[in-house]
All heavy atoms as atom14 arrays in JSON, in Angstrom:
{
  "sequence": "QPLSRYPPLINDISFWLPSETYSQNDFYDLVRTIGGDLIEKVV",
  "atom14_mask": [
    [1, 1, 1, 1, 1, 1, 1, 1, 1, 0, 0, 0, 0, 0],
    [1, 1, 1, 1, 1, 1, 1, 0, 0, 0, 0, 0, 0, 0],
    [1, 1, 1, 1, 1, 1, 1, 1, 0, 0, 0, 0, 0, 0],
    [1, 1, 1, 1, 1, 1, 0, 0, 0, 0, 0, 0, 0, 0],
    [1, 1, 1, 1, 1, 1, 1, 1, 1, 1, 1, 0, 0, 0],
    [1, 1, 1, 1, 1, 1, 1, 1, 1, 1, 1, 1, 0, 0],
    [1, 1, 1, 1, 1, 1, 1, 0, 0, 0, 0, 0, 0, 0],
    [1, 1, 1, 1, 1, 1, 1, 0, 0, 0, 0, 0, 0, 0],
    [1, 1, 1, 1, 1, 1, 1, 1, 0, 0, 0, 0, 0, 0],
    [1, 1, 1, 1, 1, 1, 1, 1, 0, 0, 0, 0, 0, 0],
    [1, 1, 1, 1, 1, 1, 1, 1, 0, 0, 0, 0, 0, 0],
    [1, 1, 1, 1, 1, 1, 1, 1, 0, 0, 0, 0, 0, 0],
    [1, 1, 1, 1, 1, 1, 1, 1, 0, 0, 0, 0, 0, 0],
    [1, 1, 1, 1, 1, 1, 0, 0, 0, 0, 0, 0, 0, 0],
    [1, 1, 1, 1, 1, 1, 1, 1, 1, 1, 1, 0, 0, 0],
    [1, 1, 1, 1, 1, 1, 1, 1, 1, 1, 1, 1, 1, 1],
    [1, 1, 1, 1, 1, 1, 1, 1, 0, 0, 0, 0, 0, 0],
    [1, 1, 1, 1, 1, 1, 1, 0, 0, 0, 0, 0, 0, 0],
    [1, 1, 1, 1, 1, 1, 0, 0, 0, 0, 0, 0, 0, 0],
    [1, 1, 1, 1, 1, 1, 1, 1, 1, 0, 0, 0, 0, 0],
    [1, 1, 1, 1, 1, 1, 1, 0, 0, 0, 0, 0, 0, 0],
    [1, 1, 1, 1, 1, 1, 1, 1, 1, 1, 1, 1, 0, 0],
    [1, 1, 1, 1, 1, 1, 0, 0, 0, 0, 0, 0, 0, 0],
    [1, 1, 1, 1, 1, 1, 1, 1, 1, 0, 0, 0, 0, 0],
    [1, 1, 1, 1, 1, 1, 1, 1, 0, 0, 0, 0, 0, 0],
    [1, 1, 1, 1, 1, 1, 1, 1, 0, 0, 0, 0, 0, 0],
    [1, 1, 1, 1, 1, 1, 1, 1, 1, 1, 1, 0, 0, 0],
    [1, 1, 1, 1, 1, 1, 1, 1, 1, 1, 1, 1, 0, 0],
    [1, 1, 1, 1, 1, 1, 1, 1, 0, 0, 0, 0, 0, 0],
    [1, 1, 1, 1, 1, 1, 1, 1, 0, 0, 0, 0, 0, 0],
    [1, 1, 1, 1, 1, 1, 1, 0, 0, 0, 0, 0, 0, 0],
    [1, 1, 1, 1, 1, 1, 1, 1, 1, 1, 1, 0, 0, 0],
    [1, 1, 1, 1, 1, 1, 1, 0, 0, 0, 0, 0, 0, 0],
    [1, 1, 1, 1, 1, 1, 1, 1, 0, 0, 0, 0, 0, 0],
    [1, 1, 1, 1, 0, 0, 0, 0, 0, 0, 0, 0, 0, 0],
    [1, 1, 1, 1, 0, 0, 0, 0, 0, 0, 0, 0, 0, 0],
    [1, 1, 1, 1, 1, 1, 1, 1, 0, 0, 0, 0, 0, 0],
    [1, 1, 1, 1, 1, 1, 1, 1, 0, 0, 0, 0, 0, 0],
    [1, 1, 1, 1, 1, 1, 1, 1, 0, 0, 0, 0, 0, 0],
    [1, 1, 1, 1, 1, 1, 1, 1, 1, 0, 0, 0, 0, 0],
    [1, 1, 1, 1, 1, 1, 1, 1, 1, 0, 0, 0, 0, 0],
    [1, 1, 1, 1, 1, 1, 1, 0, 0, 0, 0, 0, 0, 0],
    [1, 1, 1, 1, 1, 1, 1, 0, 0, 0, 0, 0, 0, 0]
  ],
  "atom14_positions": [
    [[11.84, 18.23, 19.94], [10.83, 19.27, 19.7], [9.79, 19.18, 20.78], [9.18, 18.09, 21.0], [10.08, 19.0, 18.34], [11.05, 19.08, 17.16], [11.64, 20.47, 16.93], [10.95, 21.47, 17.08], [12.92, 20.54, 16.68], [0.0, 0.0, 0.0], [0.0, 0.0, 0.0], [0.0, 0.0, 0.0], [0.0, 0.0, 0.0], [0.0, 0.0, 0.0]],
    [[9.52, 20.26, 21.52], [8.57, 20.19, 22.64], [7.2, 19.73, 22.14], [6.76, 20.07, 21.07], [8.55, 21.62, 23.15], [9.76, 22.31, 22.6], [10.15, 21.54, 21.34], [0.0, 0.0, 0.0], [0.0, 0.0, 0.0], [0.0, 0.0, 0.0], [0.0, 0.0, 0.0], [0.0, 0.0, 0.0], [0.0, 0.0, 0.0], [0.0, 0.0, 0.0]],
    [[6.45, 19.07, 23.05], [5.14, 18.57, 22.75], [4.1, 19.5, 23.27], [4.27, 20.08, 24.31], [4.92, 17.2, 23.33], [6.01, 16.11, 23.06], [5.68, 14.92, 23.88], [5.94, 15.8, 21.54], [0.0, 0.0, 0.0], [0.0, 0.0, 0.0], [0.0, 0.0, 0.0], [0.0, 0.0, 0.0], [0.0, 0.0, 0.0], [0.0, 0.0, 0.0]],
    [[3.02, 19.67, 22.57], [1.91, 20.42, 23.03], [1.12, 19.66, 24.05], [0.85, 18.48, 23.9], [0.96, 20.8, 21.86], [-0.17, 21.49, 22.35], [0.0, 0.0, 0.0], [0.0, 0.0, 0.0], [0.0, 0.0, 0.0], [0.0, 0.0, 0.0], [0.0, 0.0, 0.0], [0.0, 0.0, 0.0], [0.0, 0.0, 0.0], [0.0, 0.0, 0.0]],
    [[0.74, 20.38, 25.15], [-0.05, 19.68, 26.18], [-1.53, 20.06, 26.0], [-2.4, 19.7, 26.86], [0.45, 20.01, 27.51], [0.42, 21.54, 27.77], [0.94, 21.85, 29.23], [0.7, 23.28, 29.44], [1.66, 24.15, 29.58], [2.91, 23.76, 29.5], [1.34, 25.44, 29.78], [0.0, 0.0, 0.0], [0.0, 0.0, 0.0], [0.0, 0.0, 0.0]],
    [[-1.88, 20.77, 24.9], [-3.23, 21.13, 24.69], [-4.0, 20.07, 23.89], [-3.33, 19.3, 23.1], [-3.28, 22.49, 23.95], [-2.69, 23.59, 24.77], [-1.37, 23.95, 24.58], [-3.42, 24.17, 25.83], [-0.76, 24.98, 25.45], [-2.83, 25.09, 26.6], [-1.51, 25.53, 26.42], [-0.97, 26.42, 27.21], [0.0, 0.0, 0.0], [0.0, 0.0, 0.0]],
    [[-5.26, 19.92, 24.02], [-6.03, 18.84, 23.34], [-6.09, 18.98, 21.86], [-6.15, 20.1, 21.35], [-7.41, 18.95, 23.98], [-7.53, 20.34, 24.39], [-6.16, 20.78, 24.8], [0.0, 0.0, 0.0], [0.0, 0.0, 0.0], [0.0, 0.0, 0.0], [0.0, 0.0, 0.0], [0.0, 0.0, 0.0], [0.0, 0.0, 0.0], [0.0, 0.0, 0.0]],
    [[-6.03, 17.84, 21.17], [-6.18, 17.9, 19.71], [-7.63, 18.09, 19.25], [-8.58, 17.79, 20.0], [-5.67, 16.54, 19.27], [-6.05, 15.63, 20.36], [-5.93, 16.49, 21.66], [0.0, 0.0, 0.0], [0.0, 0.0, 0.0], [0.0, 0.0, 0.0], [0.0, 0.0, 0.0], [0.0, 0.0, 0.0], [0.0, 0.0, 0.0], [0.0, 0.0, 0.0]],
    [[-7.82, 18.57, 18.1], [-9.15, 18.55, 17.35], [-8.98, 17.65, 16.21], [-8.06, 17.79, 15.4], [-9.52, 19.98, 16.96], [-10.06, 20.88, 18.04], [-10.34, 22.25, 17.53], [-11.34, 20.3, 18.65], [0.0, 0.0, 0.0], [0.0, 0.0, 0.0], [0.0, 0.0, 0.0], [0.0, 0.0, 0.0], [0.0, 0.0, 0.0], [0.0, 0.0, 0.0]],
    [[-9.89, 16.76, 16.0], [-9.87, 15.73, 14.97], [-11.0, 15.97, 13.99], [-12.17, 16.0, 14.39], [-9.92, 14.31, 15.54], [-8.72, 14.16, 16.51], [-9.89, 13.31, 14.44], [-8.73, 12.92, 17.27], [0.0, 0.0, 0.0], [0.0, 0.0, 0.0], [0.0, 0.0, 0.0], [0.0, 0.0, 0.0], [0.0, 0.0, 0.0], [0.0, 0.0, 0.0]],
    [[-10.64, 16.11, 12.7], [-11.7, 16.21, 11.66], [-11.36, 15.25, 10.55], [-10.16, 14.99, 10.25], [-11.73, 17.64, 11.09], [-12.35, 18.67, 12.01], [-12.93, 18.29, 13.03], [-12.25, 19.91, 11.71], [0.0, 0.0, 0.0], [0.0, 0.0, 0.0], [0.0, 0.0, 0.0], [0.0, 0.0, 0.0], [0.0, 0.0, 0.0], [0.0, 0.0, 0.0]],
    [[-12.36, 14.69, 9.93], [-12.15, 13.75, 8.85], [-12.62, 14.37, 7.51], [-13.43, 15.29, 7.48], [-12.95, 12.46, 9.13], [-12.51, 11.68, 10.27], [-11.41, 11.89, 10.71], [-13.32, 10.81, 10.75], [0.0, 0.0, 0.0], [0.0, 0.0, 0.0], [0.0, 0.0, 0.0], [0.0, 0.0, 0.0], [0.0, 0.0, 0.0], [0.0, 0.0, 0.0]],
    [[-12.01, 13.89, 6.47], [-12.33, 14.42, 5.1], [-12.35, 13.2, 4.19], [-11.5, 12.3, 4.3], [-11.34, 15.44, 4.61], [-11.73, 15.99, 3.25], [-9.93, 14.88, 4.56], [-10.9, 17.17, 2.81], [0.0, 0.0, 0.0], [0.0, 0.0, 0.0], [0.0, 0.0, 0.0], [0.0, 0.0, 0.0], [0.0, 0.0, 0.0], [0.0, 0.0, 0.0]],
    [[-13.41, 13.16, 3.36], [-13.45, 12.02, 2.44], [-13.89, 12.45, 1.06], [-14.61, 13.45, 0.93], [-14.44, 10.98, 2.98], [-15.52, 10.74, 2.26], [0.0, 0.0, 0.0], [0.0, 0.0, 0.0], [0.0, 0.0, 0.0], [0.0, 0.0, 0.0], [0.0, 0.0, 0.0], [0.0, 0.0, 0.0], [0.0, 0.0, 0.0], [0.0, 0.0, 0.0]],
    [[-13.33, 11.83, 0.0], [-13.59, 12.24, -1.3], [-13.37, 11.09, -2.31], [-12.7, 10.16, -2.0], [-12.73, 13.45, -1.73], [-11.32, 13.34, -1.33], [-10.41, 12.61, -2.12], [-10.79, 14.03, -0.27], [-9.07, 12.47, -1.8], [-9.46, 13.94, 0.11], [-8.62, 13.17, -0.66], [0.0, 0.0, 0.0], [0.0, 0.0, 0.0], [0.0, 0.0, 0.0]],
    [[-14.02, 11.23, -3.47], [-13.76, 10.28, -4.55], [-12.53, 10.7, -5.28], [-12.4, 11.91, -5.59], [-14.96, 10.29, -5.53], [-16.25, 9.79, -4.89], [-17.28, 10.54, -4.6], [-16.58, 8.44, -4.61], [-18.31, 9.75, -4.07], [-17.85, 8.44, -4.06], [-15.92, 7.25, -4.67], [-18.51, 7.33, -3.62], [-16.55, 6.09, -4.23], [-17.93, 6.13, -3.75]],
    [[-11.71, 9.77, -5.63], [-10.46, 10.03, -6.36], [-10.76, 10.28, -7.82], [-11.69, 9.7, -8.36], [-9.49, 8.88, -6.26], [-9.07, 8.49, -4.81], [-8.07, 7.35, -4.87], [-8.59, 9.7, -4.02], [0.0, 0.0, 0.0], [0.0, 0.0, 0.0], [0.0, 0.0, 0.0], [0.0, 0.0, 0.0], [0.0, 0.0, 0.0], [0.0, 0.0, 0.0]],
    [[-9.93, 11.14, -8.47], [-10.1, 11.39, -9.93], [-9.68, 10.14, -10.66], [-8.94, 9.3, -10.22], [-9.2, 12.58, -10.22], [-8.23, 12.52, -9.09], [-8.81, 11.9, -7.93], [0.0, 0.0, 0.0], [0.0, 0.0, 0.0], [0.0, 0.0, 0.0], [0.0, 0.0, 0.0], [0.0, 0.0, 0.0], [0.0, 0.0, 0.0], [0.0, 0.0, 0.0]],
    [[-10.15, 10.01, -11.93], [-9.83, 8.83, -12.66], [-8.42, 8.81, -13.1], [-7.81, 7.75, -13.26], [-10.78, 8.7, -13.94], [-10.65, 9.94, -14.67], [0.0, 0.0, 0.0], [0.0, 0.0, 0.0], [0.0, 0.0, 0.0], [0.0, 0.0, 0.0], [0.0, 0.0, 0.0], [0.0, 0.0, 0.0], [0.0, 0.0, 0.0], [0.0, 0.0, 0.0]],
    [[-7.78, 9.97, -13.26], [-6.42, 9.99, -13.59], [-5.53, 9.68, -12.33], [-6.1, 9.52, -11.27], [-5.96, 11.25, -14.27], [-6.25, 12.54, -13.63], [-7.67, 13.13, -13.89], [-8.46, 12.52, -14.67], [-7.95, 14.19, -13.34], [0.0, 0.0, 0.0], [0.0, 0.0, 0.0], [0.0, 0.0, 0.0], [0.0, 0.0, 0.0], [0.0, 0.0, 0.0]],
    [[-4.24, 9.76, -12.46], [-3.34, 9.48, -11.39], [-3.59, 10.41, -10.18], [-3.7, 11.61, -10.34], [-1.85, 9.5, -11.78], [-1.6, 10.85, -12.24], [-1.57, 8.48, -12.91], [0.0, 0.0, 0.0], [0.0, 0.0, 0.0], [0.0, 0.0, 0.0], [0.0, 0.0, 0.0], [0.0, 0.0, 0.0], [0.0, 0.0, 0.0], [0.0, 0.0, 0.0]],
    [[-3.54, 9.8, -9.0], [-3.65, 10.54, -7.76], [-2.54, 10.02, -6.83], [-2.35, 8.86, -6.72], [-5.05, 10.28, -7.2], [-5.13, 10.76, -5.7], [-5.43, 12.03, -5.39], [-4.99, 9.82, -4.67], [-5.53, 12.47, -4.12], [-5.11, 10.22, -3.34], [-5.36, 11.54, -3.1], [-5.42, 11.94, -1.74], [0.0, 0.0, 0.0], [0.0, 0.0, 0.0]],
    [[-1.94, 10.93, -6.13], [-0.86, 10.6, -5.19], [-1.3, 11.05, -3.8], [-1.65, 12.21, -3.55], [0.45, 11.22, -5.56], [1.37, 11.05, -4.55], [0.0, 0.0, 0.0], [0.0, 0.0, 0.0], [0.0, 0.0, 0.0], [0.0, 0.0, 0.0], [0.0, 0.0, 0.0], [0.0, 0.0, 0.0], [0.0, 0.0, 0.0], [0.0, 0.0, 0.0]],
    [[-1.21, 10.18, -2.84], [-1.54, 10.57, -1.42], [-0.59, 11.61, -0.95], [-0.99, 12.52, -0.17], [-1.39, 9.32, -0.52], [-2.47, 8.27, -0.69], [-2.23, 7.11, 0.3], [-1.65, 7.26, 1.3], [-2.78, 5.98, -0.11], [0.0, 0.0, 0.0], [0.0, 0.0, 0.0], [0.0, 0.0, 0.0], [0.0, 0.0, 0.0], [0.0, 0.0, 0.0]],
    [[0.68, 11.6, -1.43], [1.62, 12.6, -0.98], [1.22, 14.01, -1.41], [1.5, 14.96, -0.72], [3.01, 12.26, -1.52], [3.63, 11.02, -0.83], [3.26, 10.75, 0.33], [4.53, 10.37, -1.51], [0.0, 0.0, 0.0], [0.0, 0.0, 0.0], [0.0, 0.0, 0.0], [0.0, 0.0, 0.0], [0.0, 0.0, 0.0], [0.0, 0.0, 0.0]],
    [[0.58, 14.11, -2.56], [0.08, 15.41, -3.02], [-0.97, 15.91, -2.01], [-0.98, 17.16, -1.69], [-0.55, 15.32, -4.38], [0.48, 15.13, -5.47], [1.7, 15.34, -5.23], [0.07, 14.67, -6.52], [0.0, 0.0, 0.0], [0.0, 0.0, 0.0], [0.0, 0.0, 0.0], [0.0, 0.0, 0.0], [0.0, 0.0, 0.0], [0.0, 0.0, 0.0]],
    [[-1.83, 15.05, -1.52], [-2.84, 15.49, -0.5], [-2.18, 15.88, 0.79], [-2.47, 16.84, 1.4], [-3.87, 14.38, -0.32], [-4.89, 14.76, 0.7], [-5.81, 15.75, 0.45], [-4.93, 14.19, 2.0], [-6.8, 16.13, 1.38], [-5.92, 14.58, 2.92], [-6.8, 15.56, 2.62], [0.0, 0.0, 0.0], [0.0, 0.0, 0.0], [0.0, 0.0, 0.0]],
    [[-1.19, 15.04, 1.27], [-0.5, 15.36, 2.49], [0.18, 16.7, 2.39], [0.16, 17.58, 3.28], [0.52, 14.3, 2.77], [0.02, 12.92, 3.14], [0.62, 11.78, 2.71], [-1.2, 12.82, 3.81], [0.14, 10.5, 3.04], [-1.7, 11.55, 4.08], [-1.02, 10.39, 3.68], [-1.52, 9.18, 3.98], [0.0, 0.0, 0.0], [0.0, 0.0, 0.0]],
    [[0.79, 17.0, 1.26], [1.51, 18.3, 1.03], [0.49, 19.38, 1.01], [0.75, 20.48, 1.62], [2.26, 18.3, -0.31], [3.5, 17.43, -0.32], [3.96, 17.11, 0.83], [4.01, 17.1, -1.41], [0.0, 0.0, 0.0], [0.0, 0.0, 0.0], [0.0, 0.0, 0.0], [0.0, 0.0, 0.0], [0.0, 0.0, 0.0], [0.0, 0.0, 0.0]],
    [[-0.69, 19.24, 0.46], [-1.69, 20.25, 0.4], [-2.19, 20.58, 1.8], [-2.29, 21.76, 2.15], [-2.84, 19.77, -0.5], [-3.98, 20.71, -0.59], [-4.2, 21.12, -2.07], [-5.28, 20.1, -0.05], [0.0, 0.0, 0.0], [0.0, 0.0, 0.0], [0.0, 0.0, 0.0], [0.0, 0.0, 0.0], [0.0, 0.0, 0.0], [0.0, 0.0, 0.0]],
    [[-2.39, 19.56, 2.59], [-2.89, 19.75, 3.96], [-1.84, 20.5, 4.82], [-2.15, 21.47, 5.5], [-3.22, 18.37, 4.64], [-3.46, 18.55, 6.14], [-4.4, 17.78, 3.96], [0.0, 0.0, 0.0], [0.0, 0.0, 0.0], [0.0, 0.0, 0.0], [0.0, 0.0, 0.0], [0.0, 0.0, 0.0], [0.0, 0.0, 0.0], [0.0, 0.0, 0.0]],
    [[-0.58, 20.13, 4.73], [0.5, 20.78, 5.45], [0.71, 22.19, 4.98], [1.07, 23.05, 5.78], [1.74, 19.95, 5.4], [1.56, 18.57, 5.98], [2.61, 18.19, 6.97], [2.46, 16.84, 7.48], [1.96, 16.62, 8.67], [1.58, 17.53, 9.46], [1.81, 15.34, 9.03], [0.0, 0.0, 0.0], [0.0, 0.0, 0.0], [0.0, 0.0, 0.0]],
    [[0.55, 22.44, 3.67], [0.78, 23.84, 3.14], [-0.33, 24.75, 3.74], [-0.03, 25.86, 4.1], [0.66, 23.84, 1.64], [1.76, 23.01, 1.13], [0.85, 25.22, 1.06], [0.0, 0.0, 0.0], [0.0, 0.0, 0.0], [0.0, 0.0, 0.0], [0.0, 0.0, 0.0], [0.0, 0.0, 0.0], [0.0, 0.0, 0.0], [0.0, 0.0, 0.0]],
    [[-1.58, 24.29, 3.76], [-2.68, 25.13, 4.21], [-2.7, 25.22, 5.76], [-2.85, 26.24, 6.31], [-4.0, 24.6, 3.66], [-4.05, 24.74, 2.13], [-5.19, 25.33, 4.32], [-5.2, 24.04, 1.5], [0.0, 0.0, 0.0], [0.0, 0.0, 0.0], [0.0, 0.0, 0.0], [0.0, 0.0, 0.0], [0.0, 0.0, 0.0], [0.0, 0.0, 0.0]],
    [[-2.52, 24.04, 6.47], [-2.65, 24.08, 7.87], [-1.41, 24.45, 8.58], [-1.45, 24.83, 9.8], [0.0, 0.0, 0.0], [0.0, 0.0, 0.0], [0.0, 0.0, 0.0], [0.0, 0.0, 0.0], [0.0, 0.0, 0.0], [0.0, 0.0, 0.0], [0.0, 0.0, 0.0], [0.0, 0.0, 0.0], [0.0, 0.0, 0.0], [0.0, 0.0, 0.0]],
    [[-0.27, 24.29, 7.98], [1.03, 24.69, 8.6], [1.3, 23.87, 9.86], [1.09, 22.68, 9.98], [0.0, 0.0, 0.0], [0.0, 0.0, 0.0], [0.0, 0.0, 0.0], [0.0, 0.0, 0.0], [0.0, 0.0, 0.0], [0.0, 0.0, 0.0], [0.0, 0.0, 0.0], [0.0, 0.0, 0.0], [0.0, 0.0, 0.0], [0.0, 0.0, 0.0]],
    [[1.74, 24.58, 10.94], [2.13, 23.96, 12.17], [0.96, 23.47, 13.01], [1.14, 22.79, 14.02], [2.92, 24.92, 12.99], [4.31, 25.22, 12.44], [4.8, 24.32, 11.6], [4.97, 26.19, 12.78], [0.0, 0.0, 0.0], [0.0, 0.0, 0.0], [0.0, 0.0, 0.0], [0.0, 0.0, 0.0], [0.0, 0.0, 0.0], [0.0, 0.0, 0.0]],
    [[-0.25, 23.79, 12.59], [-1.45, 23.34, 13.36], [-1.74, 21.89, 13.06], [-2.47, 21.24, 13.73], [-2.64, 24.2, 13.04], [-2.54, 25.66, 13.53], [-3.82, 26.44, 13.13], [-2.24, 25.82, 14.96], [0.0, 0.0, 0.0], [0.0, 0.0, 0.0], [0.0, 0.0, 0.0], [0.0, 0.0, 0.0], [0.0, 0.0, 0.0], [0.0, 0.0, 0.0]],
    [[-1.21, 21.37, 11.94], [-1.43, 20.0, 11.54], [-0.43, 19.1, 12.32], [0.73, 19.17, 12.15], [-1.25, 19.76, 10.0], [-2.12, 20.75, 9.24], [-1.55, 18.31, 9.67], [-3.62, 20.53, 9.45], [0.0, 0.0, 0.0], [0.0, 0.0, 0.0], [0.0, 0.0, 0.0], [0.0, 0.0, 0.0], [0.0, 0.0, 0.0], [0.0, 0.0, 0.0]],
    [[-1.01, 18.23, 13.12], [-0.15, 17.34, 13.84], [0.09, 15.99, 13.08], [1.11, 15.43, 12.99], [-0.71, 16.99, 15.24], [0.16, 16.04, 16.03], [-0.4, 15.9, 17.42], [-0.36, 16.85, 18.24], [-0.9, 14.76, 17.72], [0.0, 0.0, 0.0], [0.0, 0.0, 0.0], [0.0, 0.0, 0.0], [0.0, 0.0, 0.0], [0.0, 0.0, 0.0]],
    [[-1.05, 15.56, 12.46], [-0.99, 14.22, 11.78], [-2.06, 14.15, 10.75], [-3.15, 14.66, 10.94], [-1.17, 13.12, 12.86], [-0.98, 11.74, 12.3], [-1.09, 10.59, 13.31], [-1.55, 10.84, 14.69], [-1.68, 9.65, 15.48], [0.0, 0.0, 0.0], [0.0, 0.0, 0.0], [0.0, 0.0, 0.0], [0.0, 0.0, 0.0], [0.0, 0.0, 0.0]],
    [[-1.75, 13.49, 9.65], [-2.71, 13.14, 8.6], [-2.56, 11.66, 8.34], [-1.54, 11.18, 8.03], [-2.47, 13.92, 7.3], [-3.54, 13.63, 6.28], [-2.38, 15.46, 7.6], [0.0, 0.0, 0.0], [0.0, 0.0, 0.0], [0.0, 0.0, 0.0], [0.0, 0.0, 0.0], [0.0, 0.0, 0.0], [0.0, 0.0, 0.0], [0.0, 0.0, 0.0]],
    [[-3.74, 10.95, 8.45], [-3.74, 9.46, 8.32], [-4.8, 9.02, 7.36], [-5.96, 9.5, 7.52], [-3.9, 8.79, 9.63], [-3.92, 7.33, 9.56], [-2.79, 9.27, 10.61], [0.0, 0.0, 0.0], [0.0, 0.0, 0.0], [0.0, 0.0, 0.0], [0.0, 0.0, 0.0], [0.0, 0.0, 0.0], [0.0, 0.0, 0.0], [0.0, 0.0, 0.0]]
  ]
}
């Protein structure tokens, strides 16, 4: 897959987790669903 030679933009997001069960994979899926191909990495 060809690599982009354009610079990245980095933004952070932080939040308190709900008391019930929370899965990091749900957040990763949410980010990729909204951001699509513009999302290079979520860490």
